[in-house]
């Protein structure tokens, strides 16, 4: 057997395995198998929006290769500067920012004694 034949067999096995995994995911997500009409509708929508792989070598979708042929994707809502700063302050207070770039651990994971999970109750004033 030559290399190309073995490569084709390996690719076929990988495709079958991947298809079984995706089928299992679809059943788990949708509380049952999808109907033929649902699959056809999803395929038609993917073709319409260019959300299918167009270049097998790079993995780019058609709407990435030819953006002028497909409708623009709606932009995500933009946050104001104050909203971003408030989220950053909250993350710093809770320790939800990365403290070590090498390990990727958050500050609350590195120093659990500094960041409690429960809110501190206010004591009684005199």
C-alpha atoms as a PDB file:
ATOM      1  CA  UNK A   1       0.000   0.000   0.000  1.00  0.00           C
ATOM      2  CA  UNK A   2       1.272   3.415  -0.799  1.00  0.00           C
ATOM      3  CA  UNK A   3       1.167   6.486   1.398  1.00  0.00           C
ATOM      4  CA  UNK A   4      -1.717   8.212  -0.343  1.00  0.00           C
ATOM      5  CA  UNK A   5      -3.952   5.171   0.092  1.00  0.00           C
ATOM      6  CA  UNK A   6      -3.107   4.945   3.804  1.00  0.00           C
ATOM      7  CA  UNK A   7      -3.701   8.671   4.183  1.00  0.00           C
ATOM      8  CA  UNK A   8      -7.109   8.323   2.550  1.00  0.00           C
ATOM      9  CA  UNK A   9      -8.048   5.498   4.908  1.00  0.00           C
ATOM     10  CA  UNK A  10      -6.907   7.506   7.939  1.00  0.00           C
ATOM     11  CA  UNK A  11      -8.873  10.536   6.751  1.00  0.00           C
ATOM     12  CA  UNK A  12     -11.997   8.427   6.231  1.00  0.00           C
ATOM     13  CA  UNK A  13     -11.740   6.952   9.726  1.00  0.00           C
ATOM     14  CA  UNK A  14     -11.216  10.381  11.254  1.00  0.00           C
ATOM     15  CA  UNK A  15     -14.248  11.715   9.408  1.00  0.00           C
ATOM     16  CA  UNK A  16     -16.435   8.842  10.579  1.00  0.00           C
ATOM     17  CA  UNK A  17     -15.300   9.284  14.178  1.00  0.00           C
ATOM     18  CA  UNK A  18     -15.821  13.043  14.075  1.00  0.00           C
ATOM     19  CA  UNK A  19     -19.258  12.611  12.537  1.00  0.00           C
ATOM     20  CA  UNK A  20     -20.302  10.276  15.341  1.00  0.00           C
ATOM     21  CA  UNK A  21     -19.124  12.789  17.946  1.00  0.00           C
ATOM     22  CA  UNK A  22     -21.009  15.639  16.271  1.00  0.00           C
ATOM     23  CA  UNK A  23     -24.121  13.497  15.968  1.00  0.00           C
ATOM     24  CA  UNK A  24     -23.963  12.715  19.681  1.00  0.00           C
ATOM     25  CA  UNK A  25     -23.574  16.427  20.453  1.00  0.00           C
ATOM     26  CA  UNK A  26     -26.578  17.300  18.297  1.00  0.00           C
ATOM     27  CA  UNK A  27     -28.757  14.754  20.077  1.00  0.00           C
ATOM     28  CA  UNK A  28     -27.664  16.033  23.496  1.00  0.00           C
ATOM     29  CA  UNK A  29     -28.160  19.716  22.583  1.00  0.00           C
ATOM     30  CA  UNK A  30     -31.551  19.446  20.948  1.00  0.00           C
ATOM     31  CA  UNK A  31     -33.130  16.854  23.234  1.00  0.00           C
ATOM     32  CA  UNK A  32     -33.399  14.414  20.375  1.00  0.00           C
ATOM     33  CA  UNK A  33     -32.174  13.916  16.831  1.00  0.00           C
ATOM     34  CA  UNK A  34     -32.737  16.683  14.293  1.00  0.00           C
ATOM     35  CA  UNK A  35     -35.121  16.086  11.444  1.00  0.00           C
ATOM     36  CA  UNK A  36     -34.094  16.104   7.808  1.00  0.00           C
ATOM     37  CA  UNK A  37     -35.912  19.411   7.300  1.00  0.00           C
ATOM     38  CA  UNK A  38     -34.024  21.049  10.193  1.00  0.00           C
ATOM     39  CA  UNK A  39     -30.698  19.950   8.727  1.00  0.00           C
ATOM     40  CA  UNK A  40     -31.680  21.193   5.265  1.00  0.00           C
ATOM     41  CA  UNK A  41     -32.750  24.548   6.699  1.00  0.00           C
ATOM     42  CA  UNK A  42     -29.439  24.896   8.569  1.00  0.00           C
ATOM     43  CA  UNK A  43     -27.494  24.025   5.420  1.00  0.00           C
ATOM     44  CA  UNK A  44     -29.462  26.539   3.332  1.00  0.00           C
ATOM     45  CA  UNK A  45     -28.783  29.251   5.928  1.00  0.00           C
ATOM     46  CA  UNK A  46     -25.074  28.382   6.033  1.00  0.00           C
ATOM     47  CA  UNK A  47     -24.855  28.553   2.234  1.00  0.00           C
ATOM     48  CA  UNK A  48     -26.763  31.856   2.173  1.00  0.00           C
ATOM     49  CA  UNK A  49     -24.446  33.470   4.748  1.00  0.00           C
ATOM     50  CA  UNK A  50     -21.258  31.805   3.466  1.00  0.00           C
ATOM     51  CA  UNK A  51     -20.700  30.045   6.773  1.00  0.00           C
ATOM     52  CA  UNK A  52     -19.278  26.892   5.190  1.00  0.00           C
ATOM     53  CA  UNK A  53     -15.650  25.984   4.622  1.00  0.00           C
ATOM     54  CA  UNK A  54     -14.482  27.204   1.235  1.00  0.00           C
ATOM     55  CA  UNK A  55     -10.793  26.384   1.364  1.00  0.00           C
ATOM     56  CA  UNK A  56      -9.906  23.016   2.819  1.00  0.00           C
ATOM     57  CA  UNK A  57      -6.227  23.880   3.198  1.00  0.00           C
ATOM     58  CA  UNK A  58      -6.653  26.979   5.358  1.00  0.00           C
ATOM     59  CA  UNK A  59     -10.061  26.208   6.827  1.00  0.00           C
ATOM     60  CA  UNK A  60     -11.404  29.622   5.869  1.00  0.00           C
ATOM     61  CA  UNK A  61     -15.123  30.003   5.373  1.00  0.00           C
ATOM     62  CA  UNK A  62     -16.566  31.429   2.176  1.00  0.00           C
ATOM     63  CA  UNK A  63     -17.634  34.645   3.912  1.00  0.00           C
ATOM     64  CA  UNK A  64     -14.010  35.120   5.047  1.00  0.00           C
ATOM     65  CA  UNK A  65     -12.580  34.421   1.591  1.00  0.00           C
ATOM     66  CA  UNK A  66     -15.097  36.569  -0.293  1.00  0.00           C
ATOM     67  CA  UNK A  67     -16.603  39.096   2.154  1.00  0.00           C
ATOM     68  CA  UNK A  68     -18.156  41.214  -0.621  1.00  0.00           C
ATOM     69  CA  UNK A  69     -20.395  38.317  -1.755  1.00  0.00           C
ATOM     70  CA  UNK A  70     -22.180  37.764   1.562  1.00  0.00           C
ATOM     71  CA  UNK A  71     -24.200  39.973   3.917  1.00  0.00           C
ATOM     72  CA  UNK A  72     -22.310  41.616   6.757  1.00  0.00           C
ATOM     73  CA  UNK A  73     -22.553  40.030  10.186  1.00  0.00           C
ATOM     74  CA  UNK A  74     -24.283  42.248  12.755  1.00  0.00           C
ATOM     75  CA  UNK A  75     -21.798  44.035  14.972  1.00  0.00           C
ATOM     76  CA  UNK A  76     -21.739  43.289  18.681  1.00  0.00           C
ATOM     77  CA  UNK A  77     -23.136  46.026  20.922  1.00  0.00           C
ATOM     78  CA  UNK A  78     -20.437  48.448  22.008  1.00  0.00           C
ATOM     79  CA  UNK A  79     -19.849  49.130  25.692  1.00  0.00           C
ATOM     80  CA  UNK A  80     -19.098  52.570  27.015  1.00  0.00           C
ATOM     81  CA  UNK A  81     -15.799  53.430  28.644  1.00  0.00           C
ATOM     82  CA  UNK A  82     -17.511  53.667  32.028  1.00  0.00           C
ATOM     83  CA  UNK A  83     -19.020  50.174  31.660  1.00  0.00           C
ATOM     84  CA  UNK A  84     -15.637  48.686  30.794  1.00  0.00           C
ATOM     85  CA  UNK A  85     -13.961  50.437  33.721  1.00  0.00           C
ATOM     86  CA  UNK A  86     -16.697  49.266  36.089  1.00  0.00           C
ATOM     87  CA  UNK A  87     -16.248  45.664  34.883  1.00  0.00           C
ATOM     88  CA  UNK A  88     -12.469  45.924  35.340  1.00  0.00           C
ATOM     89  CA  UNK A  89     -12.850  47.317  38.872  1.00  0.00           C
ATOM     90  CA  UNK A  90     -15.248  44.486  39.735  1.00  0.00           C
ATOM     91  CA  UNK A  91     -12.858  41.869  38.312  1.00  0.00           C
ATOM     92  CA  UNK A  92      -9.950  43.327  40.290  1.00  0.00           C
ATOM     93  CA  UNK A  93     -12.047  43.360  43.467  1.00  0.00           C
ATOM     94  CA  UNK A  94     -13.092  39.730  42.992  1.00  0.00           C
ATOM     95  CA  UNK A  95      -9.644  38.551  41.819  1.00  0.00           C
ATOM     96  CA  UNK A  96     -10.911  37.481  38.400  1.00  0.00           C
ATOM     97  CA  UNK A  97      -7.919  38.835  36.501  1.00  0.00           C
ATOM     98  CA  UNK A  98      -4.932  36.791  35.404  1.00  0.00           C
ATOM     99  CA  UNK A  99      -2.144  37.109  37.937  1.00  0.00           C
ATOM    100  CA  UNK A 100       0.431  34.886  36.298  1.00  0.00           C
ATOM    101  CA  UNK A 101       0.806  34.966  32.525  1.00  0.00           C
ATOM    102  CA  UNK A 102       2.731  31.699  32.452  1.00  0.00           C
ATOM    103  CA  UNK A 103       0.265  29.502  34.305  1.00  0.00           C
ATOM    104  CA  UNK A 104      -2.845  31.509  33.428  1.00  0.00           C
ATOM    105  CA  UNK A 105      -4.102  31.353  37.008  1.00  0.00           C
ATOM    106  CA  UNK A 106      -6.346  34.087  38.287  1.00  0.00           C
ATOM    107  CA  UNK A 107      -5.426  36.035  41.405  1.00  0.00           C
ATOM    108  CA  UNK A 108      -8.191  34.364  43.423  1.00  0.00           C
ATOM    109  CA  UNK A 109      -6.721  30.964  42.482  1.00  0.00           C
ATOM    110  CA  UNK A 110      -3.196  31.986  43.449  1.00  0.00           C
ATOM    111  CA  UNK A 111      -4.177  33.732  46.685  1.00  0.00           C
ATOM    112  CA  UNK A 112      -7.488  32.258  47.898  1.00  0.00           C
ATOM    113  CA  UNK A 113      -7.103  33.812  51.356  1.00  0.00           C
ATOM    114  CA  UNK A 114      -7.194  37.332  49.879  1.00  0.00           C
ATOM    115  CA  UNK A 115     -10.444  36.819  47.958  1.00  0.00           C
ATOM    116  CA  UNK A 116     -13.340  35.288  49.829  1.00  0.00           C
ATOM    117  CA  UNK A 117     -16.228  33.714  47.938  1.00  0.00           C
ATOM    118  CA  UNK A 118     -18.841  35.003  50.350  1.00  0.00           C
ATOM    119  CA  UNK A 119     -19.829  38.591  50.896  1.00  0.00           C
ATOM    120  CA  UNK A 120     -18.753  39.994  54.237  1.00  0.00           C
ATOM    121  CA  UNK A 121     -21.700  40.903  56.436  1.00  0.00           C
ATOM    122  CA  UNK A 122     -21.648  44.335  57.982  1.00  0.00           C
ATOM    123  CA  UNK A 123     -21.342  44.421  61.742  1.00  0.00           C
ATOM    124  CA  UNK A 124     -23.713  46.360  63.967  1.00  0.00           C
ATOM    125  CA  UNK A 125     -22.835  49.951  64.641  1.00  0.00           C
ATOM    126  CA  UNK A 126     -23.112  51.466  68.063  1.00  0.00           C
END
